[in-house]
Amino acid sequence: MAFITAPGVKVAEDIAKGLVSNNLAACVNIIPSVNSVFMWKGELQEEKEALLIAKTARAKLQKAKKWILKHHPYELPEILYVKIDKGHEKYMQWVKGLI
């Protein structure tokens, strides 16, 4: 299982299609509106993003990460916490069942 944040739904959709079409993930679900809290250049930040939950084999995880950085290059901060907005609780139930 891979959890990936993207700066918006369009980018998230592009990443999801690429991961599945390149056989790097079996499926990808997108949660359109989350608050990510992360450390960036020594400061705590918070940003509204899209969250991708990709079902991928452990052996393909590194290949998937390389593909994302090659095709959608943007600096990836260290994610500390992701908060799901109200109305998306069903996704959290689904995620808890996967972990």
PDB file of N, CA and C in Angstrom:
ATOM      1  N   MET A   1       0.848  -1.173   0.000  1.00  0.00           N
ATOM      2  CA  MET A   1       0.000   0.000   0.000  1.00  0.00           C
ATOM      3  C   MET A   1       0.893   1.235   0.000  1.00  0.00           C
ATOM      4  N   ALA A   2       0.606   2.170  -0.874  1.00  0.00           N
ATOM      5  CA  ALA A   2       1.372   3.420  -0.922  1.00  0.00           C
ATOM      6  C   ALA A   2       0.408   4.584  -0.755  1.00  0.00           C
ATOM      7  N   PHE A   3       0.814   5.549   0.041  1.00  0.00           N
ATOM      8  CA  PHE A   3       0.049   6.769   0.243  1.00  0.00           C
ATOM      9  C   PHE A   3       0.840   7.906  -0.389  1.00  0.00           C
ATOM     10  N   ILE A   4       0.235   8.593  -1.346  1.00  0.00           N
ATOM     11  CA  ILE A   4       0.923   9.619  -2.119  1.00  0.00           C
ATOM     12  C   ILE A   4       0.080  10.880  -2.106  1.00  0.00           C
ATOM     13  N   THR A   5       0.692  12.023  -1.863  1.00  0.00           N
ATOM     14  CA  THR A   5      -0.048  13.271  -1.965  1.00  0.00           C
ATOM     15  C   THR A   5       0.295  13.950  -3.281  1.00  0.00           C
ATOM     16  N   ALA A   6      -0.655  14.709  -3.797  1.00  0.00           N
ATOM     17  CA  ALA A   6      -0.469  15.447  -5.044  1.00  0.00           C
ATOM     18  C   ALA A   6      -1.038  16.845  -4.862  1.00  0.00           C
ATOM     19  N   PRO A   7      -0.515  17.828  -5.601  1.00  0.00           N
ATOM     20  CA  PRO A   7      -0.955  19.207  -5.409  1.00  0.00           C
ATOM     21  C   PRO A   7      -2.374  19.497  -5.896  1.00  0.00           C
ATOM     22  N   GLY A   8      -3.045  18.536  -6.475  1.00  0.00           N
ATOM     23  CA  GLY A   8      -4.421  18.738  -6.921  1.00  0.00           C
ATOM     24  C   GLY A   8      -4.979  17.474  -7.531  1.00  0.00           C
ATOM     25  N   VAL A   9      -6.275  17.473  -7.787  1.00  0.00           N
ATOM     26  CA  VAL A   9      -6.950  16.281  -8.311  1.00  0.00           C
ATOM     27  C   VAL A   9      -6.456  15.927  -9.703  1.00  0.00           C
ATOM     28  N   LYS A  10      -6.229  16.901 -10.565  1.00  0.00           N
ATOM     29  CA  LYS A  10      -5.767  16.623 -11.930  1.00  0.00           C
ATOM     30  C   LYS A  10      -4.431  15.876 -11.903  1.00  0.00           C
ATOM     31  N   VAL A  11      -3.493  16.359 -11.111  1.00  0.00           N
ATOM     32  CA  VAL A  11      -2.196  15.690 -10.992  1.00  0.00           C
ATOM     33  C   VAL A  11      -2.390  14.296 -10.396  1.00  0.00           C
ATOM     34  N   ALA A  12      -3.255  14.184  -9.391  1.00  0.00           N
ATOM     35  CA  ALA A  12      -3.538  12.886  -8.772  1.00  0.00           C
ATOM     36  C   ALA A  12      -4.100  11.904  -9.796  1.00  0.00           C
ATOM     37  N   GLU A  13      -5.005  12.358 -10.645  1.00  0.00           N
ATOM     38  CA  GLU A  13      -5.577  11.487 -11.680  1.00  0.00           C
ATOM     39  C   GLU A  13      -4.505  11.044 -12.669  1.00  0.00           C
ATOM     40  N   ASP A  14      -3.629  11.954 -13.068  1.00  0.00           N
ATOM     41  CA  ASP A  14      -2.552  11.605 -13.989  1.00  0.00           C
ATOM     42  C   ASP A  14      -1.619  10.560 -13.374  1.00  0.00           C
ATOM     43  N   ILE A  15      -1.274  10.757 -12.107  1.00  0.00           N
ATOM     44  CA  ILE A  15      -0.409   9.797 -11.412  1.00  0.00           C
ATOM     45  C   ILE A  15      -1.097   8.440 -11.328  1.00  0.00           C
ATOM     46  N   ALA A  16      -2.372   8.438 -10.953  1.00  0.00           N
ATOM     47  CA  ALA A  16      -3.118   7.181 -10.815  1.00  0.00           C
ATOM     48  C   ALA A  16      -3.162   6.420 -12.140  1.00  0.00           C
ATOM     49  N   LYS A  17      -3.494   7.113 -13.222  1.00  0.00           N
ATOM     50  CA  LYS A  17      -3.554   6.454 -14.537  1.00  0.00           C
ATOM     51  C   LYS A  17      -2.200   5.896 -14.936  1.00  0.00           C
ATOM     52  N   GLY A  18      -1.144   6.657 -14.668  1.00  0.00           N
ATOM     53  CA  GLY A  18       0.201   6.194 -15.011  1.00  0.00           C
ATOM     54  C   GLY A  18       0.626   4.982 -14.212  1.00  0.00           C
ATOM     55  N   LEU A  19       0.343   4.984 -12.924  1.00  0.00           N
ATOM     56  CA  LEU A  19       0.721   3.847 -12.089  1.00  0.00           C
ATOM     57  C   LEU A  19       0.016   2.570 -12.525  1.00  0.00           C
ATOM     58  N   VAL A  20      -1.275   2.673 -12.822  1.00  0.00           N
ATOM     59  CA  VAL A  20      -2.039   1.484 -13.218  1.00  0.00           C
ATOM     60  C   VAL A  20      -1.653   1.030 -14.622  1.00  0.00           C
ATOM     61  N   SER A  21      -1.544   1.964 -15.571  1.00  0.00           N
ATOM     62  CA  SER A  21      -1.238   1.572 -16.956  1.00  0.00           C
ATOM     63  C   SER A  21       0.180   1.025 -17.105  1.00  0.00           C
ATOM     64  N   ASN A  22       1.088   1.398 -16.200  1.00  0.00           N
ATOM     65  CA  ASN A  22       2.452   0.876 -16.228  1.00  0.00           C
ATOM     66  C   ASN A  22       2.635  -0.328 -15.300  1.00  0.00           C
ATOM     67  N   ASN A  23       1.518  -0.869 -14.819  1.00  0.00           N
ATOM     68  CA  ASN A  23       1.520  -2.054 -13.963  1.00  0.00           C
ATOM     69  C   ASN A  23       2.350  -1.858 -12.693  1.00  0.00           C
ATOM     70  N   LEU A  24       2.321  -0.637 -12.156  1.00  0.00           N
ATOM     71  CA  LEU A  24       3.032  -0.349 -10.913  1.00  0.00           C
ATOM     72  C   LEU A  24       2.083  -0.367  -9.715  1.00  0.00           C
ATOM     73  N   ALA A  25       0.778  -0.379  -9.987  1.00  0.00           N
ATOM     74  CA  ALA A  25      -0.235  -0.483  -8.940  1.00  0.00           C
ATOM     75  C   ALA A  25      -1.441  -1.206  -9.513  1.00  0.00           C
ATOM     76  N   ALA A  26      -2.095  -2.009  -8.677  1.00  0.00           N
ATOM     77  CA  ALA A  26      -3.283  -2.731  -9.120  1.00  0.00           C
ATOM     78  C   ALA A  26      -4.478  -1.787  -9.210  1.00  0.00           C
ATOM     79  N   CYS A  27      -4.567  -0.848  -8.278  1.00  0.00           N
ATOM     80  CA  CYS A  27      -5.626   0.155  -8.309  1.00  0.00           C
ATOM     81  C   CYS A  27      -5.194   1.342  -7.466  1.00  0.00           C
ATOM     82  N   VAL A  28      -5.795   2.481  -7.754  1.00  0.00           N
ATOM     83  CA  VAL A  28      -5.487   3.705  -7.009  1.00  0.00           C
ATOM     84  C   VAL A  28      -6.795   4.413  -6.709  1.00  0.00           C
ATOM     85  N   ASN A  29      -6.993   4.780  -5.463  1.00  0.00           N
ATOM     86  CA  ASN A  29      -8.146   5.572  -5.063  1.00  0.00           C
ATOM     87  C   ASN A  29      -7.671   6.980  -4.734  1.00  0.00           C
ATOM     88  N   ILE A  30      -8.480   7.966  -5.088  1.00  0.00           N
ATOM     89  CA  ILE A  30      -8.128   9.363  -4.862  1.00  0.00           C
ATOM     90  C   ILE A  30      -9.127   9.986  -3.897  1.00  0.00           C
ATOM     91  N   ILE A  31      -8.611  10.582  -2.838  1.00  0.00           N
ATOM     92  CA  ILE A  31      -9.426  11.381  -1.925  1.00  0.00           C
ATOM     93  C   ILE A  31      -9.109  12.828  -2.269  1.00  0.00           C
ATOM     94  N   PRO A  32     -10.081  13.579  -2.780  1.00  0.00           N
ATOM     95  CA  PRO A  32      -9.794  14.881  -3.385  1.00  0.00           C
ATOM     96  C   PRO A  32      -9.358  16.001  -2.462  1.00  0.00           C
ATOM     97  N   SER A  33      -9.694  15.969  -1.205  1.00  0.00           N
ATOM     98  CA  SER A  33      -9.418  17.132  -0.361  1.00  0.00           C
ATOM     99  C   SER A  33      -8.950  16.699   1.016  1.00  0.00           C
ATOM    100  N   VAL A  34      -7.647  16.812   1.247  1.00  0.00           N
ATOM    101  CA  VAL A  34      -7.087  16.476   2.554  1.00  0.00           C
ATOM    102  C   VAL A  34      -6.165  17.608   2.998  1.00  0.00           C
ATOM    103  N   ASN A  35      -5.954  17.698   4.282  1.00  0.00           N
ATOM    104  CA  ASN A  35      -4.953  18.621   4.813  1.00  0.00           C
ATOM    105  C   ASN A  35      -3.722  17.811   5.163  1.00  0.00           C
ATOM    106  N   SER A  36      -2.597  18.113   4.528  1.00  0.00           N
ATOM    107  CA  SER A  36      -1.336  17.454   4.844  1.00  0.00           C
ATOM    108  C   SER A  36      -0.513  18.372   5.727  1.00  0.00           C
ATOM    109  N   VAL A  37       0.021  17.813   6.787  1.00  0.00           N
ATOM    110  CA  VAL A  37       0.931  18.544   7.657  1.00  0.00           C
ATOM    111  C   VAL A  37       2.306  17.924   7.442  1.00  0.00           C
ATOM    112  N   PHE A  38       3.292  18.761   7.132  1.00  0.00           N
ATOM    113  CA  PHE A  38       4.607  18.233   6.800  1.00  0.00           C
ATOM    114  C   PHE A  38       5.712  19.208   7.202  1.00  0.00           C
ATOM    115  N   MET A  39       6.923  18.657   7.271  1.00  0.00           N
ATOM    116  CA  MET A  39       8.099  19.460   7.571  1.00  0.00           C
ATOM    117  C   MET A  39       8.732  19.846   6.236  1.00  0.00           C
ATOM    118  N   TRP A  40       8.924  21.127   6.021  1.00  0.00           N
ATOM    119  CA  TRP A  40       9.501  21.603   4.771  1.00  0.00           C
ATOM    120  C   TRP A  40      10.531  22.674   5.081  1.00  0.00           C
ATOM    121  N   LYS A  41      11.780  22.380   4.725  1.00  0.00           N
ATOM    122  CA  LYS A  41      12.894  23.307   4.956  1.00  0.00           C
ATOM    123  C   LYS A  41      12.944  23.772   6.404  1.00  0.00           C
ATOM    124  N   GLY A  42      12.756  22.807   7.317  1.00  0.00           N
ATOM    125  CA  GLY A  42      12.879  23.088   8.736  1.00  0.00           C
ATOM    126  C   GLY A  42      11.668  23.721   9.387  1.00  0.00           C
ATOM    127  N   GLU A  43      10.591  23.919   8.639  1.00  0.00           N
ATOM    128  CA  GLU A  43       9.387  24.534   9.200  1.00  0.00           C
ATOM    129  C   GLU A  43       8.178  23.633   9.003  1.00  0.00           C
ATOM    130  N   LEU A  44       7.288  23.635   9.974  1.00  0.00           N
ATOM    131  CA  LEU A  44       6.053  22.877   9.888  1.00  0.00           C
ATOM    132  C   LEU A  44       5.093  23.595   8.948  1.00  0.00           C
ATOM    133  N   GLN A  45       4.545  22.870   7.989  1.00  0.00           N
ATOM    134  CA  GLN A  45       3.653  23.437   6.982  1.00  0.00           C
ATOM    135  C   GLN A  45       2.337  22.659   6.958  1.00  0.00           C
ATOM    136  N   GLU A  46       1.315  23.273   6.415  1.00  0.00           N
ATOM    137  CA  GLU A  46       0.036  22.603   6.196  1.00  0.00           C
ATOM    138  C   GLU A  46      -0.497  23.042   4.845  1.00  0.00           C
ATOM    139  N   GLU A  47      -1.007  22.091   4.077  1.00  0.00           N
ATOM    140  CA  GLU A  47      -1.465  22.403   2.725  1.00  0.00           C
ATOM    141  C   GLU A  47      -2.634  21.505   2.336  1.00  0.00           C
ATOM    142  N   LYS A  48      -3.537  22.039   1.534  1.00  0.00           N
ATOM    143  CA  LYS A  48      -4.667  21.264   1.002  1.00  0.00           C
ATOM    144  C   LYS A  48      -4.185  20.522  -0.246  1.00  0.00           C
ATOM    145  N   GLU A  49      -4.369  19.208  -0.273  1.00  0.00           N
ATOM    146  CA  GLU A  49      -3.878  18.381  -1.370  1.00  0.00           C
ATOM    147  C   GLU A  49      -4.887  17.282  -1.695  1.00  0.00           C
ATOM    148  N   ALA A  50      -4.548  16.467  -2.679  1.00  0.00           N
ATOM    149  CA  ALA A  50      -5.288  15.247  -2.968  1.00  0.00           C
ATOM    150  C   ALA A  50      -4.430  14.087  -2.468  1.00  0.00           C
ATOM    151  N   LEU A  51      -5.070  13.053  -1.963  1.00  0.00           N
ATOM    152  CA  LEU A  51      -4.362  11.884  -1.448  1.00  0.00           C
ATOM    153  C   LEU A  51      -4.670  10.684  -2.325  1.00  0.00           C
ATOM    154  N   LEU A  52      -3.626   9.998  -2.759  1.00  0.00           N
ATOM    155  CA  LEU A  52      -3.781   8.771  -3.529  1.00  0.00           C
ATOM    156  C   LEU A  52      -3.441   7.601  -2.633  1.00  0.00           C
ATOM    157  N   ILE A  53      -4.249   6.570  -2.693  1.00  0.00           N
ATOM    158  CA  ILE A  53      -3.979   5.335  -1.972  1.00  0.00           C
ATOM    159  C   ILE A  53      -3.824   4.261  -3.042  1.00  0.00           C
ATOM    160  N   ALA A  54      -2.585   3.810  -3.231  1.00  0.00           N
ATOM    161  CA  ALA A  54      -2.284   2.868  -4.305  1.00  0.00           C
ATOM    162  C   ALA A  54      -2.044   1.480  -3.734  1.00  0.00           C
ATOM    163  N   LYS A  55      -2.725   0.503  -4.298  1.00  0.00           N
ATOM    164  CA  LYS A  55      -2.499  -0.886  -3.918  1.00  0.00           C
ATOM    165  C   LYS A  55      -1.381  -1.405  -4.825  1.00  0.00           C
ATOM    166  N   THR A  56      -0.211  -1.606  -4.224  1.00  0.00           N
ATOM    167  CA  THR A  56       0.945  -2.032  -4.998  1.00  0.00           C
ATOM    168  C   THR A  56       1.733  -3.085  -4.234  1.00  0.00           C
ATOM    169  N   ALA A  57       2.403  -3.950  -4.965  1.00  0.00           N
ATOM    170  CA  ALA A  57       3.247  -4.958  -4.335  1.00  0.00           C
ATOM    171  C   ALA A  57       4.484  -4.279  -3.763  1.00  0.00           C
ATOM    172  N   ARG A  58       4.962  -4.791  -2.658  1.00  0.00           N
ATOM    173  CA  ARG A  58       6.154  -4.223  -2.013  1.00  0.00           C
ATOM    174  C   ARG A  58       7.322  -4.164  -3.004  1.00  0.00           C
ATOM    175  N   ALA A  59       7.438  -5.174  -3.855  1.00  0.00           N
ATOM    176  CA  ALA A  59       8.529  -5.230  -4.828  1.00  0.00           C
ATOM    177  C   ALA A  59       8.440  -4.116  -5.879  1.00  0.00           C
ATOM    178  N   LYS A  60       7.239  -3.598  -6.110  1.00  0.00           N
ATOM    179  CA  LYS A  60       7.051  -2.546  -7.123  1.00  0.00           C
ATOM    180  C   LYS A  60       7.057  -1.144  -6.536  1.00  0.00           C
ATOM    181  N   LEU A  61       7.147  -1.032  -5.218  1.00  0.00           N
ATOM    182  CA  LEU A  61       7.035   0.264  -4.561  1.00  0.00           C
ATOM    183  C   LEU A  61       8.141   1.224  -4.990  1.00  0.00           C
ATOM    184  N   GLN A  62       9.380   0.763  -5.040  1.00  0.00           N
ATOM    185  CA  GLN A  62      10.486   1.636  -5.441  1.00  0.00           C
ATOM    186  C   GLN A  62      10.368   2.057  -6.902  1.00  0.00           C
ATOM    187  N   LYS A  63       9.937   1.126  -7.774  1.00  0.00           N
ATOM    188  CA  LYS A  63       9.728   1.468  -9.186  1.00  0.00           C
ATOM    189  C   LYS A  63       8.628   2.515  -9.317  1.00  0.00           C
ATOM    190  N   ALA A  64       7.563   2.366  -8.537  1.00  0.00           N
ATOM    191  CA  ALA A  64       6.460   3.334  -8.570  1.00  0.00           C
ATOM    192  C   ALA A  64       6.951   4.711  -8.132  1.00  0.00           C
ATOM    193  N   LYS A  65       7.750   4.755  -7.069  1.00  0.00           N
ATOM    194  CA  LYS A  65       8.279   6.019  -6.570  1.00  0.00           C
ATOM    195  C   LYS A  65       9.146   6.701  -7.637  1.00  0.00           C
ATOM    196  N   LYS A  66      10.004   5.924  -8.291  1.00  0.00           N
ATOM    197  CA  LYS A  66      10.863   6.475  -9.352  1.00  0.00           C
ATOM    198  C   LYS A  66      10.022   6.996 -10.512  1.00  0.00           C
ATOM    199  N   TRP A  67       8.963   6.249 -10.870  1.00  0.00           N
ATOM    200  CA  TRP A  67       8.103   6.677 -11.970  1.00  0.00           C
ATOM    201  C   TRP A  67       7.431   8.010 -11.645  1.00  0.00           C
ATOM    202  N   ILE A  68       6.929   8.130 -10.426  1.00  0.00           N
ATOM    203  CA  ILE A  68       6.261   9.376 -10.024  1.00  0.00           C
ATOM    204  C   ILE A  68       7.228  10.552 -10.110  1.00  0.00           C
ATOM    205  N   LEU A  69       8.434  10.389  -9.582  1.00  0.00           N
ATOM    206  CA  LEU A  69       9.406  11.488  -9.602  1.00  0.00           C
ATOM    207  C   LEU A  69       9.834  11.850 -11.018  1.00  0.00           C
ATOM    208  N   LYS A  70       9.886  10.860 -11.908  1.00  0.00           N
ATOM    209  CA  LYS A  70      10.281  11.120 -13.303  1.00  0.00           C
ATOM    210  C   LYS A  70       9.183  11.828 -14.079  1.00  0.00           C
ATOM    211  N   HIS A  71       7.950  11.406 -13.909  1.00  0.00           N
ATOM    212  CA  HIS A  71       6.837  11.930 -14.708  1.00  0.00           C
ATOM    213  C   HIS A  71       6.090  13.094 -14.066  1.00  0.00           C
ATOM    214  N   HIS A  72       6.193  13.226 -12.787  1.00  0.00           N
ATOM    215  CA  HIS A  72       5.532  14.317 -12.076  1.00  0.00           C
ATOM    216  C   HIS A  72       6.508  14.909 -11.068  1.00  0.00           C
ATOM    217  N   PRO A  73       7.583  15.526 -11.585  1.00  0.00           N
ATOM    218  CA  PRO A  73       8.627  15.996 -10.667  1.00  0.00           C
ATOM    219  C   PRO A  73       8.212  17.235  -9.882  1.00  0.00           C
ATOM    220  N   TYR A  74       8.091  17.065  -8.612  1.00  0.00           N
ATOM    221  CA  TYR A  74       7.980  18.183  -7.697  1.00  0.00           C
ATOM    222  C   TYR A  74       8.585  17.693  -6.395  1.00  0.00           C
ATOM    223  N   GLU A  75       9.177  18.579  -5.660  1.00  0.00           N
ATOM    224  CA  GLU A  75       9.863  18.160  -4.447  1.00  0.00           C
ATOM    225  C   GLU A  75       8.855  17.593  -3.453  1.00  0.00           C
ATOM    226  N   LEU A  76       9.175  16.439  -2.938  1.00  0.00           N
ATOM    227  CA  LEU A  76       8.269  15.758  -2.027  1.00  0.00           C
ATOM    228  C   LEU A  76       8.679  16.006  -0.580  1.00  0.00           C
ATOM    229  N   PRO A  77       7.843  16.681   0.184  1.00  0.00           N
ATOM    230  CA  PRO A  77       8.171  16.889   1.596  1.00  0.00           C
ATOM    231  C   PRO A  77       7.938  15.615   2.396  1.00  0.00           C
ATOM    232  N   GLU A  78       8.446  15.596   3.596  1.00  0.00           N
ATOM    233  CA  GLU A  78       8.191  14.478   4.496  1.00  0.00           C
ATOM    234  C   GLU A  78       6.827  14.681   5.123  1.00  0.00           C
ATOM    235  N   ILE A  79       5.888  13.814   4.781  1.00  0.00           N
ATOM    236  CA  ILE A  79       4.522  13.928   5.296  1.00  0.00           C
ATOM    237  C   ILE A  79       4.498  13.438   6.743  1.00  0.00           C
ATOM    238  N   LEU A  80       3.999  14.271   7.623  1.00  0.00           N
ATOM    239  CA  LEU A  80       3.896  13.903   9.023  1.00  0.00           C
ATOM    240  C   LEU A  80       2.491  13.444   9.391  1.00  0.00           C
ATOM    241  N   TYR A  81       1.493  14.007   8.732  1.00  0.00           N
ATOM    242  CA  TYR A  81       0.112  13.754   9.132  1.00  0.00           C
ATOM    243  C   TYR A  81      -0.816  14.148   7.990  1.00  0.00           C
ATOM    244  N   VAL A  82      -1.828  13.358   7.756  1.00  0.00           N
ATOM    245  CA  VAL A  82      -2.846  13.697   6.761  1.00  0.00           C
ATOM    246  C   VAL A  82      -4.197  13.628   7.444  1.00  0.00           C
ATOM    247  N   LYS A  83      -4.970  14.706   7.358  1.00  0.00           N
ATOM    248  CA  LYS A  83      -6.296  14.760   7.973  1.00  0.00           C
ATOM    249  C   LYS A  83      -7.349  14.727   6.867  1.00  0.00           C
ATOM    250  N   ILE A  84      -8.252  13.792   6.958  1.00  0.00           N
ATOM    251  CA  ILE A  84      -9.330  13.663   5.978  1.00  0.00           C
ATOM    252  C   ILE A  84     -10.447  14.626   6.358  1.00  0.00           C
ATOM    253  N   ASP A  85     -10.897  15.438   5.394  1.00  0.00           N
ATOM    254  CA  ASP A  85     -11.970  16.392   5.649  1.00  0.00           C
ATOM    255  C   ASP A  85     -13.282  15.662   5.942  1.00  0.00           C
ATOM    256  N   LYS A  86     -14.198  16.347   6.620  1.00  0.00           N
ATOM    257  CA  LYS A  86     -15.521  15.788   6.896  1.00  0.00           C
ATOM    258  C   LYS A  86     -16.200  15.433   5.580  1.00  0.00           C
ATOM    259  N   GLY A  87     -16.934  14.358   5.606  1.00  0.00           N
ATOM    260  CA  GLY A  87     -17.601  13.889   4.410  1.00  0.00           C
ATOM    261  C   GLY A  87     -16.833  12.765   3.728  1.00  0.00           C
ATOM    262  N   HIS A  88     -15.582  12.549   4.153  1.00  0.00           N
ATOM    263  CA  HIS A  88     -14.771  11.493   3.562  1.00  0.00           C
ATOM    264  C   HIS A  88     -14.460  10.391   4.569  1.00  0.00           C
ATOM    265  N   GLU A  89     -15.249  10.293   5.608  1.00  0.00           N
ATOM    266  CA  GLU A  89     -15.013   9.298   6.638  1.00  0.00           C
ATOM    267  C   GLU A  89     -15.042   7.879   6.083  1.00  0.00           C
ATOM    268  N   LYS A  90     -15.845   7.649   5.054  1.00  0.00           N
ATOM    269  CA  LYS A  90     -15.925   6.304   4.467  1.00  0.00           C
ATOM    270  C   LYS A  90     -14.573   5.863   3.938  1.00  0.00           C
ATOM    271  N   TYR A  91     -13.779   6.805   3.443  1.00  0.00           N
ATOM    272  CA  TYR A  91     -12.455   6.452   2.965  1.00  0.00           C
ATOM    273  C   TYR A  91     -11.555   6.012   4.116  1.00  0.00           C
ATOM    274  N   MET A  92     -11.687   6.673   5.257  1.00  0.00           N
ATOM    275  CA  MET A  92     -10.877   6.292   6.403  1.00  0.00           C
ATOM    276  C   MET A  92     -11.238   4.892   6.868  1.00  0.00           C
ATOM    277  N   GLN A  93     -12.517   4.537   6.840  1.00  0.00           N
ATOM    278  CA  GLN A  93     -12.928   3.181   7.201  1.00  0.00           C
ATOM    279  C   GLN A  93     -12.295   2.176   6.242  1.00  0.00           C
ATOM    280  N   TRP A  94     -12.281   2.535   4.955  1.00  0.00           N
ATOM    281  CA  TRP A  94     -11.713   1.667   3.930  1.00  0.00           C
ATOM    282  C   TRP A  94     -10.205   1.520   4.146  1.00  0.00           C
ATOM    283  N   VAL A  95      -9.524   2.627   4.413  1.00  0.00           N
ATOM    284  CA  VAL A  95      -8.079   2.607   4.632  1.00  0.00           C
ATOM    285  C   VAL A  95      -7.738   1.769   5.855  1.00  0.00           C
ATOM    286  N   LYS A  96      -8.480   1.925   6.930  1.00  0.00           N
ATOM    287  CA  LYS A  96      -8.212   1.155   8.151  1.00  0.00           C
ATOM    288  C   LYS A  96      -8.340  -0.344   7.879  1.00  0.00           C
ATOM    289  N   GLY A  97      -9.235  -0.714   6.995  1.00  0.00           N
ATOM    290  CA  GLY A  97      -9.398  -2.122   6.643  1.00  0.00           C
ATOM    291  C   GLY A  97      -8.233  -2.668   5.824  1.00  0.00           C
ATOM    292  N   LEU A  98      -7.482  -1.786   5.160  1.00  0.00           N
ATOM    293  CA  LEU A  98      -6.361  -2.220   4.340  1.00  0.00           C
ATOM    294  C   LEU A  98      -5.071  -2.351   5.120  1.00  0.00           C
ATOM    295  N   ILE A  99      -4.956  -1.582   6.192  1.00  0.00           N
ATOM    296  CA  ILE A  99      -3.674  -1.538   6.917  1.00  0.00           C
ATOM    297  C   ILE A  99      -3.558  -2.717   7.873  1.00  0.00           C
TER     298      ILE A  99
END
